[in-house]
């Protein structure tokens, strides 16, 4: 068993986890977190993370540190390269910082790749040789496990499927109208919902979601769909249709055994899966579709912490970087 530290750097919150794991499993021993806005400068955030890590260590012998952060980044040099949700984080040598403090191997992955490693080693993708993990939350991206190994691509940009243009028109995501992220992310779903509500207003019609205005969330929309609201069911059908089309392309391209999607897909798996499976059946090659399972995340709300810890354990076993 190895004791590892997991550093999760996000635009809203940052956290440090202490975990114990090996090939048989991973357990989170302790965790501390804080709001990123409390420490806006990179050096302040890193200092706070390091201080919390020393508190969590509490006598444990630490074997490695894993860091998960939104991209772009360079996992080979250990540098964070101006993520859009982290203003001021321009070419930050995050791995060097923790190596200097801890004199340990330190490994960095973007959040989609880290999530893929966690689900592959300890979650719903366990045992697969070819596996895809998809973030389906604030944004849309993928981590790829191909032939039993993480595939980050030349510049750690493999799996940026949120940038695919799925339609000439549609909600904006990843800076592109009609993109996969535009249709299949929290922000994209809200755009779709507000567009439909605007159409109703222009027709002089009302809808319960209009009362929420700026406080509207995807949860509000899904809850109304649970009660049979026609507008919300139409929106969900659009989201499921686009997600199914995107997965069909992935299935034809990479022929994976398992695709796992987290966040919104995991929470609303029962509602989205039938739509997605219907589209895959009509769009993907039958032999490839038949042999690919579409599953929710089994790590659920723990995936951010598990991803950072799994990054350290993956690094120890597969990368051997000191």
Protein backbone atom coordinates (compact mmCIF):
# COMPACT_ATOMS: atom_id res chain seq x y z
CA UNK A 1 0.00 0.00 0.00
CA UNK A 2 1.12 3.55 -0.76
CA UNK A 3 0.22 6.73 1.06
CA UNK A 4 -0.31 9.59 -1.38
CA UNK A 5 -1.43 13.19 -1.37
CA UNK A 6 -3.97 14.43 -3.91
CA UNK A 7 -4.10 18.12 -4.86
CA UNK A 8 -7.26 19.19 -6.68
CA UNK A 9 -7.03 22.73 -8.11
CA UNK A 10 -10.31 24.18 -9.38
CA UNK A 11 -11.74 27.54 -10.29
CA UNK A 12 -14.26 27.38 -7.43
CA UNK A 13 -12.60 25.20 -4.78
CA UNK A 14 -9.23 23.63 -4.08
CA UNK A 15 -8.66 20.59 -1.91
CA UNK A 16 -6.00 18.31 -0.50
CA UNK A 17 -6.67 14.64 0.19
CA UNK A 18 -4.65 11.99 1.96
CA UNK A 19 -5.23 8.51 0.60
CA UNK A 20 -3.98 4.97 0.92
CA UNK A 21 -4.11 2.68 -2.07
CA UNK A 22 -2.72 0.00 -4.33
CA UNK A 23 -4.08 -2.13 -7.17
CA UNK A 24 -6.82 -3.54 -4.95
CA UNK A 25 -8.37 -0.24 -3.91
CA UNK A 26 -8.05 3.35 -2.75
CA UNK A 27 -9.33 4.86 0.48
CA UNK A 28 -9.53 8.57 1.31
CA UNK A 29 -8.18 8.95 4.84
CA UNK A 30 -8.70 12.69 5.26
CA UNK A 31 -9.43 15.84 3.29
CA UNK A 32 -9.28 19.64 3.59
CA UNK A 33 -10.60 22.25 1.17
CA UNK A 34 -11.07 25.99 0.70
CA UNK A 35 -12.54 28.46 -1.76
CA UNK A 36 -10.13 29.39 -4.55
CA UNK A 37 -11.28 33.02 -4.34
CA UNK A 38 -9.84 33.25 -0.81
CA UNK A 39 -6.33 32.93 -2.27
CA UNK A 40 -6.49 34.47 -5.77
CA UNK A 41 -2.76 34.45 -6.56
CA UNK A 42 -1.17 31.13 -7.59
CA UNK A 43 1.58 31.43 -4.98
CA UNK A 44 -1.01 32.01 -2.25
CA UNK A 45 -3.10 29.04 -3.36
CA UNK A 46 -0.08 26.74 -3.53
CA UNK A 47 1.10 27.91 -0.13
CA UNK A 48 -2.30 27.18 1.40
CA UNK A 49 -2.45 23.74 -0.27
CA UNK A 50 1.02 22.90 1.00
CA UNK A 51 0.18 23.97 4.55
CA UNK A 52 -2.96 21.80 4.54
CA UNK A 53 -0.99 18.88 3.14
CA UNK A 54 1.44 19.02 6.07
CA UNK A 55 -1.48 19.01 8.50
CA UNK A 56 -3.07 15.98 6.79
CA UNK A 57 0.21 14.09 6.69
CA UNK A 58 0.06 13.65 10.49
CA UNK A 59 2.84 11.08 10.77
CA UNK A 60 2.10 9.17 7.55
CA UNK A 61 5.01 8.40 5.22
CA UNK A 62 4.02 9.93 1.88
CA UNK A 63 5.14 8.19 -1.32
CA UNK A 64 3.99 10.62 -4.03
CA UNK A 65 1.83 13.65 -4.80
CA UNK A 66 -0.82 13.77 -7.53
CA UNK A 67 -2.27 17.00 -8.91
CA UNK A 68 -5.48 17.37 -10.91
CA UNK A 69 -6.26 20.69 -12.59
CA UNK A 70 -8.21 21.98 -15.56
CA UNK A 71 -6.13 22.37 -18.70
CA UNK A 72 -4.32 23.48 -20.64
CA UNK A 73 -1.25 22.14 -18.90
CA UNK A 74 1.94 20.20 -19.61
CA UNK A 75 2.01 16.95 -17.67
CA UNK A 76 5.60 16.21 -18.71
CA UNK A 77 7.07 19.47 -17.40
CA UNK A 78 4.51 19.79 -14.61
CA UNK A 79 3.30 23.26 -15.56
CA UNK A 80 -0.20 24.79 -15.55
CA UNK A 81 -0.72 26.90 -18.67
CA UNK A 82 -3.42 29.56 -18.24
CA UNK A 83 -6.65 27.59 -17.64
CA UNK A 84 -9.70 29.75 -18.40
CA UNK A 85 -11.16 29.16 -14.92
CA UNK A 86 -7.92 30.16 -13.15
CA UNK A 87 -7.01 33.75 -14.08
CA UNK A 88 -3.36 34.52 -13.44
CA UNK A 89 -2.21 30.90 -13.52
CA UNK A 90 0.14 31.52 -16.43
CA UNK A 91 2.94 28.95 -16.82
CA UNK A 92 2.92 27.93 -13.14
CA UNK A 93 5.54 25.28 -12.28
CA UNK A 94 3.24 23.46 -9.87
CA UNK A 95 5.15 20.14 -9.81
CA UNK A 96 8.46 21.86 -9.08
CA UNK A 97 6.80 23.69 -6.19
CA UNK A 98 5.69 20.50 -4.45
CA UNK A 99 8.86 18.57 -5.34
CA UNK A 100 10.89 21.26 -3.58
CA UNK A 101 8.64 21.13 -0.51
CA UNK A 102 8.31 17.35 -0.23
CA UNK A 103 11.29 15.83 -2.10
CA UNK A 104 8.89 13.29 -3.64
CA UNK A 105 7.66 12.30 -7.10
CA UNK A 106 4.89 14.70 -8.19
CA UNK A 107 2.52 13.99 -11.07
CA UNK A 108 0.16 16.36 -12.89
CA UNK A 109 -2.85 15.55 -15.11
CA UNK A 110 -5.75 17.59 -16.42
CA UNK A 111 -9.04 16.88 -14.68
CA UNK A 112 -10.49 14.70 -17.46
CA UNK A 113 -7.38 12.51 -17.65
CA UNK A 114 -7.17 12.29 -13.86
CA UNK A 115 -10.84 11.31 -13.74
CA UNK A 116 -10.24 8.65 -16.37
CA UNK A 117 -7.38 7.18 -14.36
CA UNK A 118 -9.52 7.12 -11.19
CA UNK A 119 -12.50 5.43 -12.86
CA UNK A 120 -10.19 3.00 -14.68
CA UNK A 121 -8.21 1.96 -11.62
CA UNK A 122 -10.96 2.14 -8.97
CA UNK A 123 -14.33 2.76 -10.59
CA UNK A 124 -16.68 1.76 -13.38
CA UNK A 125 -13.90 1.30 -15.95
CA UNK A 126 -11.92 -1.13 -13.86
CA UNK A 127 -10.35 -3.95 -15.86
CA UNK A 128 -10.96 -2.41 -19.30
CA UNK A 129 -8.14 -2.18 -21.82
CA UNK A 130 -9.85 0.55 -23.84
CA UNK A 131 -11.93 2.95 -21.80
CA UNK A 132 -13.20 6.53 -22.08
CA UNK A 133 -14.20 8.81 -19.22
CA UNK A 134 -16.26 11.89 -20.07
CA UNK A 135 -16.80 14.90 -17.87
CA UNK A 136 -20.39 16.09 -18.27
CA UNK A 137 -20.59 19.00 -15.86
CA UNK A 138 -19.47 22.61 -16.16
CA UNK A 139 -17.71 21.58 -19.38
CA UNK A 140 -17.30 18.51 -21.55
CA UNK A 141 -14.02 16.68 -22.08
CA UNK A 142 -12.67 13.16 -22.11
CA UNK A 143 -9.82 11.12 -20.71
CA UNK A 144 -8.71 8.18 -22.85
CA UNK A 145 -7.32 4.86 -21.66
CA UNK A 146 -6.07 3.07 -24.79
CA UNK A 147 -4.44 -0.36 -24.74
CA UNK A 148 -4.21 -0.22 -20.96
CA UNK A 149 -2.50 3.16 -20.72
CA UNK A 150 -3.52 6.80 -20.41
CA UNK A 151 -3.32 8.56 -23.77
CA UNK A 152 -2.79 12.31 -23.20
CA UNK A 153 -1.75 13.19 -26.77
CA UNK A 154 1.21 15.28 -27.89
CA UNK A 155 0.25 18.39 -25.90
CA UNK A 156 -2.05 16.92 -23.24
CA UNK A 157 -4.95 17.92 -25.50
CA UNK A 158 -6.29 14.50 -26.49
CA UNK A 159 -9.96 14.04 -25.64
CA UNK A 160 -11.02 17.68 -26.13
CA UNK A 161 -14.26 16.50 -27.71
CA UNK A 162 -16.20 19.42 -26.25
CA UNK A 163 -14.75 21.46 -29.13
CA UNK A 164 -16.41 19.30 -31.79
CA UNK A 165 -19.03 21.18 -33.79
CA UNK A 166 -22.16 19.04 -33.66
CA UNK A 167 -24.44 21.52 -35.45
CA UNK A 168 -24.04 24.73 -37.48
CA UNK A 169 -26.14 26.49 -34.85
CA UNK A 170 -26.75 25.94 -31.18
CA UNK A 171 -25.60 26.85 -27.68
CA UNK A 172 -22.04 28.06 -27.24
CA UNK A 173 -19.48 25.90 -25.46
CA UNK A 174 -15.70 25.88 -25.68
CA UNK A 175 -15.97 29.15 -27.62
CA UNK A 176 -17.91 27.56 -30.47
CA UNK A 177 -21.59 27.74 -31.37
CA UNK A 178 -23.23 24.33 -31.79
CA UNK A 179 -20.34 22.52 -30.10
CA UNK A 180 -20.56 19.23 -28.24
CA UNK A 181 -19.90 21.11 -24.99
CA UNK A 182 -22.59 23.61 -25.94
CA UNK A 183 -25.21 20.88 -26.06
CA UNK A 184 -23.86 18.61 -23.32
CA UNK A 185 -22.75 20.60 -20.28
CA UNK A 186 -24.43 22.41 -17.43
CA UNK A 187 -23.96 25.79 -19.07
CA UNK A 188 -25.11 24.50 -22.43
CA UNK A 189 -28.27 22.95 -21.02
CA UNK A 190 -29.10 26.27 -19.35
CA UNK A 191 -28.57 28.06 -22.67
CA UNK A 192 -30.95 25.65 -24.38
CA UNK A 193 -33.52 26.12 -21.64
CA UNK A 194 -33.36 29.92 -21.74
CA UNK A 195 -33.63 29.91 -25.54
CA UNK A 196 -36.81 27.82 -25.35
CA UNK A 197 -38.23 30.07 -22.63
CA UNK A 198 -37.50 33.14 -24.75
CA UNK A 199 -39.40 31.57 -27.65
CA UNK A 200 -42.38 31.02 -25.36
CA UNK A 201 -42.24 34.62 -24.11
CA UNK A 202 -42.23 35.90 -27.69
CA UNK A 203 -45.39 33.86 -28.27
CA UNK A 204 -46.97 35.33 -25.15
CA UNK A 205 -46.91 31.99 -23.34
CA UNK A 206 -45.87 31.27 -19.75
CA UNK A 207 -43.88 28.49 -18.12
CA UNK A 208 -42.98 27.70 -14.46
CA UNK A 209 -39.24 28.12 -15.16
CA UNK A 210 -39.74 31.74 -16.16
CA UNK A 211 -40.30 32.65 -12.50
CA UNK A 212 -36.74 31.51 -11.63
CA UNK A 213 -35.04 33.88 -14.08
CA UNK A 214 -31.33 34.16 -13.14
CA UNK A 215 -31.55 31.51 -10.40
CA UNK A 216 -32.48 28.82 -12.93
CA UNK A 217 -30.44 25.60 -12.66
CA UNK A 218 -30.28 22.36 -14.64
CA UNK A 219 -31.75 20.63 -11.58
CA UNK A 220 -34.88 22.79 -11.86
CA UNK A 221 -35.30 21.75 -15.48
CA UNK A 222 -34.78 18.04 -14.81
CA UNK A 223 -37.19 18.09 -11.86
CA UNK A 224 -39.94 19.51 -14.05
CA UNK A 225 -39.14 16.86 -16.66
CA UNK A 226 -39.67 14.23 -13.96
CA UNK A 227 -43.21 15.56 -13.67
CA UNK A 228 -43.80 15.27 -17.40
CA UNK A 229 -43.24 18.88 -18.48
CA UNK A 230 -43.24 18.82 -22.30
CA UNK A 231 -40.73 21.66 -22.78
CA UNK A 232 -38.20 20.13 -20.39
CA UNK A 233 -38.59 16.68 -21.92
CA UNK A 234 -37.92 18.21 -25.34
CA UNK A 235 -34.71 19.83 -24.03
CA UNK A 236 -33.55 16.56 -22.49
CA UNK A 237 -34.25 14.75 -25.75
CA UNK A 238 -32.03 17.27 -27.57
CA UNK A 239 -29.23 16.83 -25.03
CA UNK A 240 -29.49 13.03 -25.15
CA UNK A 241 -29.59 13.06 -28.95
CA UNK A 242 -26.40 15.12 -29.19
CA UNK A 243 -24.65 13.11 -26.51
CA UNK A 244 -25.56 9.90 -28.32
CA UNK A 245 -24.20 11.25 -31.59
CA UNK A 246 -20.93 12.20 -29.95
CA UNK A 247 -20.58 8.81 -28.29
CA UNK A 248 -21.32 7.07 -31.59
CA UNK A 249 -18.36 8.89 -33.15
CA UNK A 250 -16.13 7.86 -30.24
CA UNK A 251 -17.29 4.26 -30.52
CA UNK A 252 -16.58 4.15 -34.27
CA UNK A 253 -13.22 5.85 -33.83
CA UNK A 254 -11.78 4.10 -30.78
CA UNK A 255 -13.86 0.91 -30.34
CA UNK A 256 -13.82 1.08 -26.50
CA UNK A 257 -15.18 -1.52 -24.08
CA UNK A 258 -16.66 1.02 -21.68
CA UNK A 259 -17.58 4.70 -21.75
CA UNK A 260 -18.26 6.34 -18.38
CA UNK A 261 -19.74 9.81 -18.07
CA UNK A 262 -19.87 11.73 -14.81
CA UNK A 263 -21.69 14.63 -13.16
CA UNK A 264 -24.99 15.43 -14.90
CA UNK A 265 -25.05 12.15 -16.84
CA UNK A 266 -24.46 10.16 -13.66
CA UNK A 267 -27.17 12.04 -11.75
CA UNK A 268 -29.72 11.70 -14.58
CA UNK A 269 -28.59 8.38 -16.01
CA UNK A 270 -32.09 6.91 -15.90
CA UNK A 271 -33.49 9.69 -18.07
CA UNK A 272 -30.62 10.18 -20.53
CA UNK A 273 -29.45 6.60 -21.16
CA UNK A 274 -32.49 5.39 -23.18
CA UNK A 275 -32.13 8.36 -25.55
CA UNK A 276 -28.37 7.87 -25.86
CA UNK A 277 -28.67 4.13 -26.53
CA UNK A 278 -31.32 4.73 -29.19
CA UNK A 279 -29.03 7.16 -31.03
CA UNK A 280 -25.96 4.93 -30.73
CA UNK A 281 -27.93 2.01 -32.15
CA UNK A 282 -28.81 4.05 -35.23
CA UNK A 283 -25.48 5.86 -35.67
CA UNK A 284 -22.59 3.61 -34.60
CA UNK A 285 -21.22 0.49 -36.24
CA UNK A 286 -23.30 -2.39 -34.80
CA UNK A 287 -20.40 -4.66 -33.81
CA UNK A 288 -18.62 -1.81 -31.99
CA UNK A 289 -21.80 -0.50 -30.33
CA UNK A 290 -22.77 -3.99 -29.15
CA UNK A 291 -19.46 -4.42 -27.35
CA UNK A 292 -19.41 -1.02 -25.61
CA UNK A 293 -21.17 -0.36 -22.31
CA UNK A 294 -22.31 3.17 -21.40
CA UNK A 295 -22.14 3.59 -17.62
CA UNK A 296 -22.46 6.29 -14.95
CA UNK A 297 -19.50 7.15 -12.74
CA UNK A 298 -19.24 4.80 -9.78
CA UNK A 299 -17.06 7.28 -7.87
CA UNK A 300 -19.80 9.92 -7.89
CA UNK A 301 -19.13 13.09 -5.91
CA UNK A 302 -15.78 11.72 -4.68
CA UNK A 303 -14.28 11.68 -8.15
CA UNK A 304 -12.37 14.98 -7.83
CA UNK A 305 -10.46 13.78 -4.76
CA UNK A 306 -10.08 10.25 -6.10
CA UNK A 307 -8.76 11.63 -9.39
CA UNK A 308 -5.92 13.56 -7.74
CA UNK A 309 -4.97 10.59 -5.55
CA UNK A 310 -5.19 8.18 -8.49
CA UNK A 311 -2.89 10.47 -10.47
CA UNK A 312 -0.20 9.89 -7.85
CA UNK A 313 -0.74 6.12 -7.79
CA UNK A 314 -0.80 5.92 -11.59
CA UNK A 315 2.43 7.89 -11.70
CA UNK A 316 4.16 5.54 -9.25
CA UNK A 317 3.17 2.45 -11.22
CA UNK A 318 3.25 3.56 -14.86
CA UNK A 319 5.43 6.64 -15.19
CA UNK A 320 8.33 6.14 -12.77
CA UNK A 321 9.26 9.80 -12.83
CA UNK A 322 11.36 10.94 -9.86
